[in-house]
């Protein structure tokens, strides 16, 4: 079950069951948005760093090392996932 926001995007209603066989691209993009963030090694002007992204790929922050990036994610009540 989902509810559409005023902009037409779907939001999941907590406690409902999602049938993954009938999921839209918008719903797929929203999966894990508030629970999961991923860390990806990147190169910046200052050298190697680790970018923190929301589950849908939206950039959220950057850290100097993977441990610091994971700690920042955990501090925000999310689960870190490393992408390489």
PDB file of N, CA and C in Angstrom:
ATOM      1  N   UNK A   1       0.846  -1.170   0.000  1.00  0.00           N
ATOM      2  CA  UNK A   1       0.000   0.000   0.000  1.00  0.00           C
ATOM      3  C   UNK A   1       0.892   1.233   0.000  1.00  0.00           C
ATOM      4  N   UNK A   2       0.534   2.252  -0.748  1.00  0.00           N
ATOM      5  CA  UNK A   2       1.281   3.496  -0.723  1.00  0.00           C
ATOM      6  C   UNK A   2       0.320   4.658  -0.852  1.00  0.00           C
ATOM      7  N   UNK A   3       0.834   5.806  -0.505  1.00  0.00           N
ATOM      8  CA  UNK A   3       0.078   7.052  -0.599  1.00  0.00           C
ATOM      9  C   UNK A   3       0.870   7.975  -1.503  1.00  0.00           C
ATOM     10  N   UNK A   4       0.192   8.657  -2.394  1.00  0.00           N
ATOM     11  CA  UNK A   4       0.886   9.591  -3.286  1.00  0.00           C
ATOM     12  C   UNK A   4       0.954  10.975  -2.647  1.00  0.00           C
ATOM     13  N   UNK A   5       2.156  11.572  -2.678  1.00  0.00           N
ATOM     14  CA  UNK A   5       2.335  12.943  -2.213  1.00  0.00           C
ATOM     15  C   UNK A   5       1.721  13.901  -3.224  1.00  0.00           C
ATOM     16  N   UNK A   6       1.702  15.188  -2.848  1.00  0.00           N
ATOM     17  CA  UNK A   6       1.156  16.201  -3.738  1.00  0.00           C
ATOM     18  C   UNK A   6       1.905  16.287  -5.063  1.00  0.00           C
ATOM     19  N   UNK A   7       3.159  15.838  -5.078  1.00  0.00           N
ATOM     20  CA  UNK A   7       3.926  15.878  -6.318  1.00  0.00           C
ATOM     21  C   UNK A   7       3.808  14.584  -7.123  1.00  0.00           C
ATOM     22  N   UNK A   8       2.983  13.637  -6.633  1.00  0.00           N
ATOM     23  CA  UNK A   8       2.747  12.404  -7.362  1.00  0.00           C
ATOM     24  C   UNK A   8       3.685  11.264  -7.026  1.00  0.00           C
ATOM     25  N   UNK A   9       4.696  11.503  -6.162  1.00  0.00           N
ATOM     26  CA  UNK A   9       5.594  10.427  -5.797  1.00  0.00           C
ATOM     27  C   UNK A   9       4.948   9.532  -4.757  1.00  0.00           C
ATOM     28  N   UNK A  10       5.309   8.265  -4.799  1.00  0.00           N
ATOM     29  CA  UNK A  10       4.717   7.290  -3.876  1.00  0.00           C
ATOM     30  C   UNK A  10       5.545   7.196  -2.602  1.00  0.00           C
ATOM     31  N   UNK A  11       4.865   7.135  -1.466  1.00  0.00           N
ATOM     32  CA  UNK A  11       5.504   6.900  -0.180  1.00  0.00           C
ATOM     33  C   UNK A  11       4.906   5.650   0.418  1.00  0.00           C
ATOM     34  N   UNK A  12       5.731   4.854   1.070  1.00  0.00           N
ATOM     35  CA  UNK A  12       5.258   3.631   1.674  1.00  0.00           C
ATOM     36  C   UNK A  12       4.615   3.919   3.012  1.00  0.00           C
ATOM     37  N   UNK A  13       3.564   3.210   3.298  1.00  0.00           N
ATOM     38  CA  UNK A  13       2.879   3.315   4.579  1.00  0.00           C
ATOM     39  C   UNK A  13       3.481   2.255   5.492  1.00  0.00           C
ATOM     40  N   UNK A  14       4.034   2.667   6.657  1.00  0.00           N
ATOM     41  CA  UNK A  14       4.652   1.689   7.560  1.00  0.00           C
ATOM     42  C   UNK A  14       3.672   0.588   7.942  1.00  0.00           C
ATOM     43  N   UNK A  15       4.198  -0.632   8.033  1.00  0.00           N
ATOM     44  CA  UNK A  15       3.383  -1.763   8.437  1.00  0.00           C
ATOM     45  C   UNK A  15       2.627  -2.433   7.308  1.00  0.00           C
ATOM     46  N   UNK A  16       2.796  -1.945   6.090  1.00  0.00           N
ATOM     47  CA  UNK A  16       2.104  -2.565   4.961  1.00  0.00           C
ATOM     48  C   UNK A  16       3.055  -3.510   4.237  1.00  0.00           C
ATOM     49  N   UNK A  17       2.505  -4.389   3.442  1.00  0.00           N
ATOM     50  CA  UNK A  17       3.296  -5.356   2.682  1.00  0.00           C
ATOM     51  C   UNK A  17       3.426  -4.852   1.257  1.00  0.00           C
ATOM     52  N   UNK A  18       4.642  -4.915   0.745  1.00  0.00           N
ATOM     53  CA  UNK A  18       4.917  -4.463  -0.617  1.00  0.00           C
ATOM     54  C   UNK A  18       5.074  -5.677  -1.524  1.00  0.00           C
ATOM     55  N   UNK A  19       4.314  -5.740  -2.589  1.00  0.00           N
ATOM     56  CA  UNK A  19       4.437  -6.807  -3.576  1.00  0.00           C
ATOM     57  C   UNK A  19       5.501  -6.378  -4.583  1.00  0.00           C
ATOM     58  N   UNK A  20       6.691  -6.985  -4.481  1.00  0.00           N
ATOM     59  CA  UNK A  20       7.790  -6.560  -5.348  1.00  0.00           C
ATOM     60  C   UNK A  20       7.563  -6.895  -6.814  1.00  0.00           C
ATOM     61  N   UNK A  21       6.572  -7.716  -7.114  1.00  0.00           N
ATOM     62  CA  UNK A  21       6.261  -8.038  -8.501  1.00  0.00           C
ATOM     63  C   UNK A  21       5.531  -6.893  -9.197  1.00  0.00           C
ATOM     64  N   UNK A  22       4.997  -5.971  -8.410  1.00  0.00           N
ATOM     65  CA  UNK A  22       4.223  -4.854  -8.962  1.00  0.00           C
ATOM     66  C   UNK A  22       4.751  -3.518  -8.429  1.00  0.00           C
ATOM     67  N   UNK A  23       6.051  -3.368  -8.427  1.00  0.00           N
ATOM     68  CA  UNK A  23       6.670  -2.153  -7.889  1.00  0.00           C
ATOM     69  C   UNK A  23       7.019  -1.201  -9.037  1.00  0.00           C
ATOM     70  N   UNK A  24       6.757   0.069  -8.811  1.00  0.00           N
ATOM     71  CA  UNK A  24       7.088   1.070  -9.832  1.00  0.00           C
ATOM     72  C   UNK A  24       8.537   1.518  -9.655  1.00  0.00           C
ATOM     73  N   UNK A  25       9.064   2.194 -10.646  1.00  0.00           N
ATOM     74  CA  UNK A  25      10.423   2.726 -10.563  1.00  0.00           C
ATOM     75  C   UNK A  25      10.543   3.726  -9.413  1.00  0.00           C
ATOM     76  N   UNK A  26       9.516   4.541  -9.201  1.00  0.00           N
ATOM     77  CA  UNK A  26       9.526   5.502  -8.093  1.00  0.00           C
ATOM     78  C   UNK A  26       9.552   4.792  -6.750  1.00  0.00           C
ATOM     79  N   UNK A  27       8.765   3.728  -6.623  1.00  0.00           N
ATOM     80  CA  UNK A  27       8.744   2.973  -5.371  1.00  0.00           C
ATOM     81  C   UNK A  27      10.091   2.294  -5.139  1.00  0.00           C
ATOM     82  N   UNK A  28      10.690   1.752  -6.177  1.00  0.00           N
ATOM     83  CA  UNK A  28      11.990   1.115  -6.058  1.00  0.00           C
ATOM     84  C   UNK A  28      13.033   2.117  -5.582  1.00  0.00           C
ATOM     85  N   UNK A  29      12.989   3.325  -6.123  1.00  0.00           N
ATOM     86  CA  UNK A  29      13.941   4.362  -5.730  1.00  0.00           C
ATOM     87  C   UNK A  29      13.776   4.751  -4.259  1.00  0.00           C
ATOM     88  N   UNK A  30      12.565   4.617  -3.741  1.00  0.00           N
ATOM     89  CA  UNK A  30      12.301   5.004  -2.350  1.00  0.00           C
ATOM     90  C   UNK A  30      12.682   3.918  -1.341  1.00  0.00           C
ATOM     91  N   UNK A  31      12.884   2.677  -1.806  1.00  0.00           N
ATOM     92  CA  UNK A  31      13.217   1.598  -0.877  1.00  0.00           C
ATOM     93  C   UNK A  31      14.510   1.900  -0.137  1.00  0.00           C
ATOM     94  N   UNK A  32      14.459   1.870   1.152  1.00  0.00           N
ATOM     95  CA  UNK A  32      15.638   2.084   1.972  1.00  0.00           C
ATOM     96  C   UNK A  32      16.076   3.524   2.124  1.00  0.00           C
ATOM     97  N   UNK A  33      15.339   4.468   1.579  1.00  0.00           N
ATOM     98  CA  UNK A  33      15.755   5.869   1.599  1.00  0.00           C
ATOM     99  C   UNK A  33      16.074   6.385   2.997  1.00  0.00           C
ATOM    100  N   UNK A  34      15.319   5.971   3.985  1.00  0.00           N
ATOM    101  CA  UNK A  34      15.540   6.479   5.331  1.00  0.00           C
ATOM    102  C   UNK A  34      16.301   5.487   6.194  1.00  0.00           C
ATOM    103  N   UNK A  35      16.654   4.318   5.652  1.00  0.00           N
ATOM    104  CA  UNK A  35      17.326   3.304   6.440  1.00  0.00           C
ATOM    105  C   UNK A  35      18.749   2.992   5.986  1.00  0.00           C
ATOM    106  N   UNK A  36      19.024   3.205   4.707  1.00  0.00           N
ATOM    107  CA  UNK A  36      20.307   2.776   4.145  1.00  0.00           C
ATOM    108  C   UNK A  36      21.001   3.946   3.452  1.00  0.00           C
ATOM    109  N   UNK A  37      22.306   4.035   3.678  1.00  0.00           N
ATOM    110  CA  UNK A  37      23.142   4.975   2.925  1.00  0.00           C
ATOM    111  C   UNK A  37      24.357   4.182   2.454  1.00  0.00           C
ATOM    112  N   UNK A  38      24.912   4.558   1.320  1.00  0.00           N
ATOM    113  CA  UNK A  38      26.086   3.841   0.872  1.00  0.00           C
ATOM    114  C   UNK A  38      27.291   4.756   0.772  1.00  0.00           C
ATOM    115  N   UNK A  39      28.449   4.134   0.941  1.00  0.00           N
ATOM    116  CA  UNK A  39      29.739   4.826   0.916  1.00  0.00           C
ATOM    117  C   UNK A  39      30.464   4.391  -0.345  1.00  0.00           C
ATOM    118  N   UNK A  40      30.988   5.368  -1.055  1.00  0.00           N
ATOM    119  CA  UNK A  40      31.659   5.081  -2.313  1.00  0.00           C
ATOM    120  C   UNK A  40      32.984   5.838  -2.349  1.00  0.00           C
ATOM    121  N   UNK A  41      34.095   5.154  -2.634  1.00  0.00           N
ATOM    122  CA  UNK A  41      35.375   5.855  -2.763  1.00  0.00           C
ATOM    123  C   UNK A  41      35.337   6.822  -3.954  1.00  0.00           C
ATOM    124  N   UNK A  42      35.823   8.027  -3.732  1.00  0.00           N
ATOM    125  CA  UNK A  42      35.860   9.044  -4.782  1.00  0.00           C
ATOM    126  C   UNK A  42      37.196   9.776  -4.736  1.00  0.00           C
ATOM    127  N   UNK A  43      37.494  10.478  -5.804  1.00  0.00           N
ATOM    128  CA  UNK A  43      38.693  11.314  -5.843  1.00  0.00           C
ATOM    129  C   UNK A  43      38.249  12.774  -5.841  1.00  0.00           C
ATOM    130  N   UNK A  44      38.769  13.559  -4.915  1.00  0.00           N
ATOM    131  CA  UNK A  44      38.445  14.981  -4.827  1.00  0.00           C
ATOM    132  C   UNK A  44      39.683  15.800  -5.149  1.00  0.00           C
ATOM    133  N   UNK A  45      39.552  17.108  -5.170  1.00  0.00           N
ATOM    134  CA  UNK A  45      40.711  17.981  -5.401  1.00  0.00           C
ATOM    135  C   UNK A  45      41.743  17.832  -4.294  1.00  0.00           C
ATOM    136  N   UNK A  46      41.283  17.431  -3.100  1.00  0.00           N
ATOM    137  CA  UNK A  46      42.185  17.234  -1.961  1.00  0.00           C
ATOM    138  C   UNK A  46      42.721  15.813  -1.880  1.00  0.00           C
ATOM    139  N   UNK A  47      42.325  14.939  -2.795  1.00  0.00           N
ATOM    140  CA  UNK A  47      42.790  13.554  -2.797  1.00  0.00           C
ATOM    141  C   UNK A  47      41.645  12.583  -2.588  1.00  0.00           C
ATOM    142  N   UNK A  48      41.990  11.325  -2.260  1.00  0.00           N
ATOM    143  CA  UNK A  48      40.961  10.310  -2.070  1.00  0.00           C
ATOM    144  C   UNK A  48      40.034  10.646  -0.897  1.00  0.00           C
ATOM    145  N   UNK A  49      38.757  10.294  -1.057  1.00  0.00           N
ATOM    146  CA  UNK A  49      37.761  10.529  -0.010  1.00  0.00           C
ATOM    147  C   UNK A  49      36.662   9.487  -0.166  1.00  0.00           C
ATOM    148  N   UNK A  50      35.662   9.580   0.689  1.00  0.00           N
ATOM    149  CA  UNK A  50      34.541   8.640   0.645  1.00  0.00           C
ATOM    150  C   UNK A  50      33.243   9.420   0.644  1.00  0.00           C
ATOM    151  N   UNK A  51      32.482   9.276  -0.434  1.00  0.00           N
ATOM    152  CA  UNK A  51      31.205   9.972  -0.579  1.00  0.00           C
ATOM    153  C   UNK A  51      30.113   9.152   0.080  1.00  0.00           C
ATOM    154  N   UNK A  52      29.190   9.847   0.763  1.00  0.00           N
ATOM    155  CA  UNK A  52      28.032   9.213   1.385  1.00  0.00           C
ATOM    156  C   UNK A  52      26.817   9.581   0.551  1.00  0.00           C
ATOM    157  N   UNK A  53      26.070   8.556   0.130  1.00  0.00           N
ATOM    158  CA  UNK A  53      24.894   8.753  -0.720  1.00  0.00           C
ATOM    159  C   UNK A  53      23.670   8.102  -0.086  1.00  0.00           C
ATOM    160  N   UNK A  54      22.501   8.690  -0.315  1.00  0.00           N
ATOM    161  CA  UNK A  54      21.241   8.070   0.087  1.00  0.00           C
ATOM    162  C   UNK A  54      21.014   6.843  -0.784  1.00  0.00           C
ATOM    163  N   UNK A  55      20.063   6.009  -0.405  1.00  0.00           N
ATOM    164  CA  UNK A  55      19.788   4.772  -1.145  1.00  0.00           C
ATOM    165  C   UNK A  55      19.478   5.023  -2.616  1.00  0.00           C
ATOM    166  N   UNK A  56      18.917   6.197  -2.935  1.00  0.00           N
ATOM    167  CA  UNK A  56      18.587   6.496  -4.339  1.00  0.00           C
ATOM    168  C   UNK A  56      19.740   7.135  -5.105  1.00  0.00           C
ATOM    169  N   UNK A  57      20.900   7.281  -4.434  1.00  0.00           N
ATOM    170  CA  UNK A  57      22.072   7.857  -5.094  1.00  0.00           C
ATOM    171  C   UNK A  57      22.283   9.333  -4.836  1.00  0.00           C
ATOM    172  N   UNK A  58      21.378   9.979  -4.114  1.00  0.00           N
ATOM    173  CA  UNK A  58      21.520  11.397  -3.806  1.00  0.00           C
ATOM    174  C   UNK A  58      22.739  11.617  -2.917  1.00  0.00           C
ATOM    175  N   UNK A  59      23.692  12.470  -3.326  1.00  0.00           N
ATOM    176  CA  UNK A  59      24.859  12.744  -2.484  1.00  0.00           C
ATOM    177  C   UNK A  59      24.434  13.442  -1.190  1.00  0.00           C
ATOM    178  N   UNK A  60      25.005  12.988  -0.055  1.00  0.00           N
ATOM    179  CA  UNK A  60      24.652  13.589   1.231  1.00  0.00           C
ATOM    180  C   UNK A  60      25.846  14.215   1.943  1.00  0.00           C
ATOM    181  N   UNK A  61      27.020  13.609   1.832  1.00  0.00           N
ATOM    182  CA  UNK A  61      28.195  14.127   2.547  1.00  0.00           C
ATOM    183  C   UNK A  61      29.445  13.477   1.977  1.00  0.00           C
ATOM    184  N   UNK A  62      30.589  13.938   2.489  1.00  0.00           N
ATOM    185  CA  UNK A  62      31.867  13.355   2.095  1.00  0.00           C
ATOM    186  C   UNK A  62      32.728  13.250   3.354  1.00  0.00           C
ATOM    187  N   UNK A  63      33.526  12.190   3.433  1.00  0.00           N
ATOM    188  CA  UNK A  63      34.385  11.959   4.598  1.00  0.00           C
ATOM    189  C   UNK A  63      35.792  11.630   4.112  1.00  0.00           C
ATOM    190  N   UNK A  64      36.747  11.796   5.009  1.00  0.00           N
ATOM    191  CA  UNK A  64      38.146  11.544   4.645  1.00  0.00           C
ATOM    192  C   UNK A  64      38.498  10.064   4.628  1.00  0.00           C
ATOM    193  N   UNK A  65      37.710   9.231   5.343  1.00  0.00           N
ATOM    194  CA  UNK A  65      37.963   7.787   5.310  1.00  0.00           C
ATOM    195  C   UNK A  65      36.659   7.015   5.475  1.00  0.00           C
ATOM    196  N   UNK A  66      36.695   5.732   5.135  1.00  0.00           N
ATOM    197  CA  UNK A  66      35.485   4.900   5.144  1.00  0.00           C
ATOM    198  C   UNK A  66      34.924   4.727   6.549  1.00  0.00           C
ATOM    199  N   UNK A  67      35.796   4.646   7.552  1.00  0.00           N
ATOM    200  CA  UNK A  67      35.339   4.477   8.934  1.00  0.00           C
ATOM    201  C   UNK A  67      34.554   5.688   9.394  1.00  0.00           C
ATOM    202  N   UNK A  68      35.048   6.868   9.090  1.00  0.00           N
ATOM    203  CA  UNK A  68      34.354   8.108   9.450  1.00  0.00           C
ATOM    204  C   UNK A  68      33.018   8.209   8.708  1.00  0.00           C
ATOM    205  N   UNK A  69      33.001   7.816   7.451  1.00  0.00           N
ATOM    206  CA  UNK A  69      31.760   7.846   6.672  1.00  0.00           C
ATOM    207  C   UNK A  69      30.726   6.902   7.281  1.00  0.00           C
ATOM    208  N   UNK A  70      31.145   5.682   7.622  1.00  0.00           N
ATOM    209  CA  UNK A  70      30.225   4.716   8.231  1.00  0.00           C
ATOM    210  C   UNK A  70      29.724   5.219   9.577  1.00  0.00           C
ATOM    211  N   UNK A  71      30.599   5.833  10.371  1.00  0.00           N
ATOM    212  CA  UNK A  71      30.192   6.366  11.677  1.00  0.00           C
ATOM    213  C   UNK A  71      29.151   7.474  11.512  1.00  0.00           C
ATOM    214  N   UNK A  72      29.324   8.315  10.513  1.00  0.00           N
ATOM    215  CA  UNK A  72      28.357   9.395  10.265  1.00  0.00           C
ATOM    216  C   UNK A  72      26.995   8.816   9.894  1.00  0.00           C
ATOM    217  N   UNK A  73      27.001   7.756   9.112  1.00  0.00           N
ATOM    218  CA  UNK A  73      25.747   7.115   8.717  1.00  0.00           C
ATOM    219  C   UNK A  73      25.053   6.513   9.931  1.00  0.00           C
ATOM    220  N   UNK A  74      25.806   5.785  10.756  1.00  0.00           N
ATOM    221  CA  UNK A  74      25.241   5.160  11.956  1.00  0.00           C
ATOM    222  C   UNK A  74      24.713   6.220  12.915  1.00  0.00           C
ATOM    223  N   UNK A  75      25.435   7.339  13.059  1.00  0.00           N
ATOM    224  CA  UNK A  75      24.986   8.437  13.929  1.00  0.00           C
ATOM    225  C   UNK A  75      23.632   8.975  13.499  1.00  0.00           C
ATOM    226  N   UNK A  76      23.306   8.833  12.237  1.00  0.00           N
ATOM    227  CA  UNK A  76      22.033   9.311  11.715  1.00  0.00           C
ATOM    228  C   UNK A  76      21.000   8.201  11.595  1.00  0.00           C
ATOM    229  N   UNK A  77      21.193   7.131  12.408  1.00  0.00           N
ATOM    230  CA  UNK A  77      20.259   6.010  12.498  1.00  0.00           C
ATOM    231  C   UNK A  77      20.003   5.320  11.166  1.00  0.00           C
ATOM    232  N   UNK A  78      21.054   5.225  10.374  1.00  0.00           N
ATOM    233  CA  UNK A  78      20.961   4.516   9.096  1.00  0.00           C
ATOM    234  C   UNK A  78      21.976   3.389   9.104  1.00  0.00           C
ATOM    235  N   UNK A  79      21.864   2.479   8.138  1.00  0.00           N
ATOM    236  CA  UNK A  79      22.804   1.372   7.996  1.00  0.00           C
ATOM    237  C   UNK A  79      23.742   1.662   6.829  1.00  0.00           C
ATOM    238  N   UNK A  80      25.062   1.591   7.065  1.00  0.00           N
ATOM    239  CA  UNK A  80      26.005   1.841   5.967  1.00  0.00           C
ATOM    240  C   UNK A  80      26.179   0.628   5.060  1.00  0.00           C
ATOM    241  N   UNK A  81      26.416   0.891   3.788  1.00  0.00           N
ATOM    242  CA  UNK A  81      26.707  -0.151   2.807  1.00  0.00           C
ATOM    243  C   UNK A  81      27.831   0.379   1.923  1.00  0.00           C
ATOM    244  N   UNK A  82      28.863  -0.434   1.737  1.00  0.00           N
ATOM    245  CA  UNK A  82      30.015  -0.017   0.942  1.00  0.00           C
ATOM    246  C   UNK A  82      29.797  -0.404  -0.523  1.00  0.00           C
ATOM    247  N   UNK A  83      29.997   0.543  -1.415  1.00  0.00           N
ATOM    248  CA  UNK A  83      29.908   0.287  -2.851  1.00  0.00           C
ATOM    249  C   UNK A  83      31.300   0.455  -3.421  1.00  0.00           C
ATOM    250  N   UNK A  84      31.742  -0.554  -4.188  1.00  0.00           N
ATOM    251  CA  UNK A  84      33.079  -0.461  -4.787  1.00  0.00           C
ATOM    252  C   UNK A  84      33.085  -1.010  -6.172  1.00  0.00           C
TER     253      UNK A  84
END
